[in-house]
Protein backbone atom coordinates (compact mmCIF):
# COMPACT_ATOMS: atom_id res chain seq x y z
CA LEU A 1 7.01 33.41 21.37
CA ILE A 2 7.74 29.16 20.17
CA GLU A 3 8.33 28.33 16.23
CA LEU A 4 5.95 26.08 14.32
CA ASN A 5 8.90 23.92 13.32
CA GLU A 6 9.68 23.43 17.28
CA LEU A 7 6.84 21.78 17.58
CA THR A 8 6.50 19.19 14.27
CA GLU A 9 10.11 18.35 13.97
CA ASP A 10 10.48 15.65 16.13
CA ILE A 11 7.38 13.60 14.45
CA GLU A 12 8.38 11.24 11.58
CA GLY A 13 6.07 12.38 8.76
CA ILE A 14 4.83 15.55 9.27
CA PRO A 15 5.14 17.99 6.78
CA ASP A 16 6.97 21.65 6.98
CA LEU A 17 3.85 23.58 8.33
CA SER A 18 3.18 27.18 8.22
CA LEU A 19 1.76 29.03 11.18
CA PRO A 20 -2.17 29.80 10.44
CA PHE A 21 -1.83 33.67 10.80
CA ALA A 22 0.63 36.44 9.81
CA SER A 23 1.90 38.19 12.87
CA GLN A 24 3.65 36.65 16.01
CA TYR A 25 1.00 35.61 18.82
CA PRO A 26 2.16 34.31 22.42
CA LEU A 27 1.39 30.83 22.13
CA THR A 28 -1.67 30.22 25.10
CA ASN A 29 -1.13 26.33 25.88
CA GLY A 30 1.53 24.16 24.39
CA PHE A 31 0.45 20.20 22.79
CA GLY A 32 0.62 18.37 26.23
CA ASP A 33 0.73 20.97 28.42
CA GLN A 34 -1.26 20.56 32.06
CA LEU A 35 -4.25 23.01 32.05
CA GLU A 36 -4.70 24.72 35.05
CA ASP A 37 -8.97 23.50 35.08
CA LYS A 38 -9.10 20.87 37.53
CA ASP A 39 -12.59 19.49 36.26
CA GLN A 40 -10.78 19.84 32.24
CA ASN A 41 -7.94 18.58 32.91
CA GLU A 42 -9.82 14.95 34.69
CA LEU A 43 -11.90 15.20 31.16
CA TYR A 44 -8.86 15.41 29.47
CA HIS A 45 -7.48 12.50 31.24
CA LYS A 46 -10.63 10.46 31.04
CA PHE A 47 -10.56 9.96 27.16
CA GLY A 48 -6.92 9.22 27.59
CA MET A 49 -4.68 11.95 27.07
CA GLU A 50 -2.28 13.21 29.68
CA GLY A 51 -2.67 17.47 28.47
CA HIS A 52 -3.74 19.51 26.10
CA ASP A 53 -5.17 18.28 23.11
CA GLY A 54 -4.12 21.19 20.50
CA VAL A 55 -1.48 24.12 19.99
CA ASP A 56 -3.29 27.78 21.80
CA TYR A 57 -2.75 31.04 20.75
CA ALA A 58 -3.94 34.21 22.03
CA ILE A 59 -5.19 35.97 18.73
CA PRO A 60 -7.65 38.84 18.25
CA MET A 61 -10.71 38.65 17.33
CA PHE A 62 -11.55 38.74 12.77
CA THR A 63 -7.78 38.15 12.78
CA PRO A 64 -7.44 35.80 8.80
CA ILE A 65 -6.18 32.30 9.59
CA THR A 66 -4.60 30.62 7.18
CA ALA A 67 -4.33 26.47 6.49
CA VAL A 68 -1.50 25.90 7.37
CA ALA A 69 -0.91 22.78 4.48
CA ASP A 70 -3.32 21.59 1.58
CA GLY A 71 -6.52 20.06 2.65
CA ARG A 72 -10.11 19.32 2.32
CA VAL A 73 -12.02 20.43 4.83
CA VAL A 74 -14.19 17.61 5.83
CA TYR A 75 -15.85 19.79 8.87
CA VAL A 76 -17.74 23.08 9.50
CA ASP A 77 -19.20 23.60 12.85
CA ASP A 78 -20.12 24.83 16.48
CA ALA A 79 -18.23 21.96 17.58
CA ILE A 80 -16.38 21.64 21.49
CA TYR A 81 -14.05 24.17 20.32
CA GLY A 82 -16.91 26.63 19.41
CA ASN A 83 -17.35 27.73 15.36
CA THR A 84 -14.95 24.97 14.11
CA VAL A 85 -12.22 23.49 10.80
CA VAL A 86 -11.42 20.61 10.31
CA LEU A 87 -8.73 20.42 7.45
CA GLU A 88 -7.98 16.64 6.11
CA HIS A 89 -4.17 16.40 4.73
CA PRO A 90 -2.29 13.14 3.78
CA TRP A 91 -0.57 13.25 6.38
CA GLY A 92 -3.65 13.47 9.02
CA GLN A 93 -6.44 16.05 9.94
CA THR A 94 -5.47 19.82 11.91
CA TYR A 95 -7.99 21.89 14.01
CA TYR A 96 -9.58 25.10 14.20
CA GLY A 97 -10.71 25.70 16.92
CA HIS A 98 -12.71 28.92 19.33
CA LEU A 99 -13.10 30.64 16.03
CA ASN A 100 -15.48 33.32 15.28
CA SER A 101 -15.89 32.36 11.88
CA PHE A 102 -15.77 30.34 8.95
CA THR A 103 -15.23 31.39 5.46
CA VAL A 104 -14.75 27.59 3.35
CA LYS A 105 -17.34 25.16 3.13
CA LEU A 106 -17.60 21.63 3.31
CA TYR A 107 -15.03 19.54 1.28
CA GLN A 108 -13.63 22.20 0.22
CA ASP A 109 -9.83 22.07 -1.77
CA VAL A 110 -7.54 24.35 0.29
CA LYS A 111 -3.77 25.34 -0.49
CA ARG A 112 -1.71 26.36 2.12
CA GLY A 113 -2.22 29.89 2.92
CA GLU A 114 -5.60 30.18 1.71
CA VAL A 115 -7.48 32.03 4.15
CA ILE A 116 -10.17 29.92 5.86
CA VAL A 117 -11.13 32.31 8.58
CA SER A 118 -11.59 35.93 8.48
């Protein structure tokens, strides 16, 4: 398992973030990892990315997902990542993808730790 601060400790301006879930789950794809699917890797390279553009965990269906920091919901829809919620923060955005559902609405303000997916 990887601690979230290991992912953000070298990124200047990113505040201390919480994990978006309460329990420990294994990391399945880290940021920048090469994907096993050749077609996916080619798609990433097409858009100038050298590897995976997010952090994925093996989380059971229907696990409550929480906001990692205070923010505003700027996207709620079915997108390239399946059901997706995007939160905007003063320092950037966080994406929550591959969701079974969401409990937030567009332009809703959320607090760190608030459930956005149940």
